Amino acid sequence: MADKIFTVDGMTCGHCATSITEEVVRVAGVTAVDVDVRSGLVIVSGDRTEDAAVRAAIVEAGYEVAEVVRRTAA
């Protein structure tokens, strides 16, 4: 399992975190989503998750992905 860490612009509150989590958790292979509004990071855990699918889910929630910060092996 690997974590992908995305920098997301425009998050300001708990509602933002909930909206992103609800969309990203639907992406195939995602097992967990941790949203840190303060730092602007979305950490996605799972097997074989595709960056494009996660980005699309974040955009669907109404936010922009600035970049993938790093990938870590769990």
Protein backbone atom coordinates (compact mmCIF):
# COMPACT_ATOMS: atom_id res chain seq x y z
CA MET A 1 0.00 0.00 0.00
CA ALA A 2 1.23 3.50 -0.77
CA ASP A 3 0.30 7.01 0.28
CA LYS A 4 -0.01 9.79 -2.25
CA ILE A 5 0.10 13.32 -0.90
CA PHE A 6 -1.61 16.08 -2.86
CA THR A 7 -1.37 19.82 -2.27
CA VAL A 8 -4.86 21.27 -2.71
CA ASP A 9 -5.77 24.95 -3.10
CA GLY A 10 -8.89 26.56 -1.70
CA MET A 11 -9.63 24.49 1.41
CA THR A 12 -10.70 26.62 4.37
CA CYS A 13 -12.90 24.56 6.73
CA GLY A 14 -14.20 21.22 7.88
CA HIS A 15 -16.85 21.23 5.16
CA CYS A 16 -14.05 21.39 2.58
CA ALA A 17 -12.43 18.32 4.16
CA THR A 18 -15.72 16.43 4.18
CA SER A 19 -16.47 17.26 0.54
CA ILE A 20 -13.05 16.10 -0.63
CA THR A 21 -13.14 12.95 1.50
CA GLU A 22 -16.58 11.96 0.18
CA GLU A 23 -15.39 12.23 -3.43
CA VAL A 24 -11.91 10.71 -3.09
CA VAL A 25 -13.01 7.68 -1.07
CA ARG A 26 -15.06 6.59 -4.12
CA VAL A 27 -11.93 6.26 -6.29
CA ALA A 28 -11.01 2.65 -7.04
CA GLY A 29 -8.26 1.36 -4.76
CA VAL A 30 -8.54 4.12 -2.15
CA THR A 31 -8.64 2.74 1.38
CA ALA A 32 -8.29 5.97 3.40
CA VAL A 33 -8.30 9.73 2.95
CA ASP A 34 -6.85 12.24 5.42
CA VAL A 35 -7.47 15.91 4.71
CA ASP A 36 -5.46 18.57 6.57
CA VAL A 37 -7.14 21.87 5.76
CA ARG A 38 -4.53 23.89 7.62
CA SER A 39 -1.59 22.60 5.57
CA GLY A 40 -3.56 22.15 2.35
CA LEU A 41 -2.66 18.47 2.12
CA VAL A 42 -4.78 15.50 1.12
CA ILE A 43 -3.19 12.14 1.92
CA VAL A 44 -4.64 9.22 0.00
CA SER A 45 -3.86 5.64 0.99
CA GLY A 46 -4.53 2.66 -1.20
CA ASP A 47 -3.31 0.20 -3.77
CA ARG A 48 -2.88 1.17 -7.40
CA THR A 49 -4.71 4.46 -7.14
CA GLU A 50 -4.24 6.64 -10.18
CA ASP A 51 -3.24 10.27 -9.74
CA ALA A 52 -5.63 11.34 -12.50
CA ALA A 53 -8.60 9.68 -10.80
CA VAL A 54 -7.80 11.28 -7.44
CA ARG A 55 -7.29 14.67 -9.09
CA ALA A 56 -10.64 14.33 -10.87
CA ALA A 57 -12.37 13.51 -7.57
CA ILE A 58 -10.84 16.56 -5.89
CA VAL A 59 -11.91 18.77 -8.81
CA GLU A 60 -15.41 17.25 -8.63
CA ALA A 61 -15.51 18.36 -4.97
CA GLY A 62 -14.74 21.90 -6.17
CA TYR A 63 -11.02 22.27 -5.46
CA GLU A 64 -7.77 22.45 -7.44
CA VAL A 65 -4.79 20.14 -7.06
CA ALA A 66 -1.59 22.18 -7.06
CA GLU A 67 0.75 19.17 -7.12
CA VAL A 68 1.51 15.67 -5.90
CA VAL A 69 4.00 16.30 -3.12
CA ARG A 70 5.40 12.79 -2.75
CA ARG A 71 4.60 9.12 -2.75
CA THR A 72 5.52 6.93 0.17
CA ALA A 73 5.54 3.19 0.57
CA ALA A 74 3.51 2.09 3.58
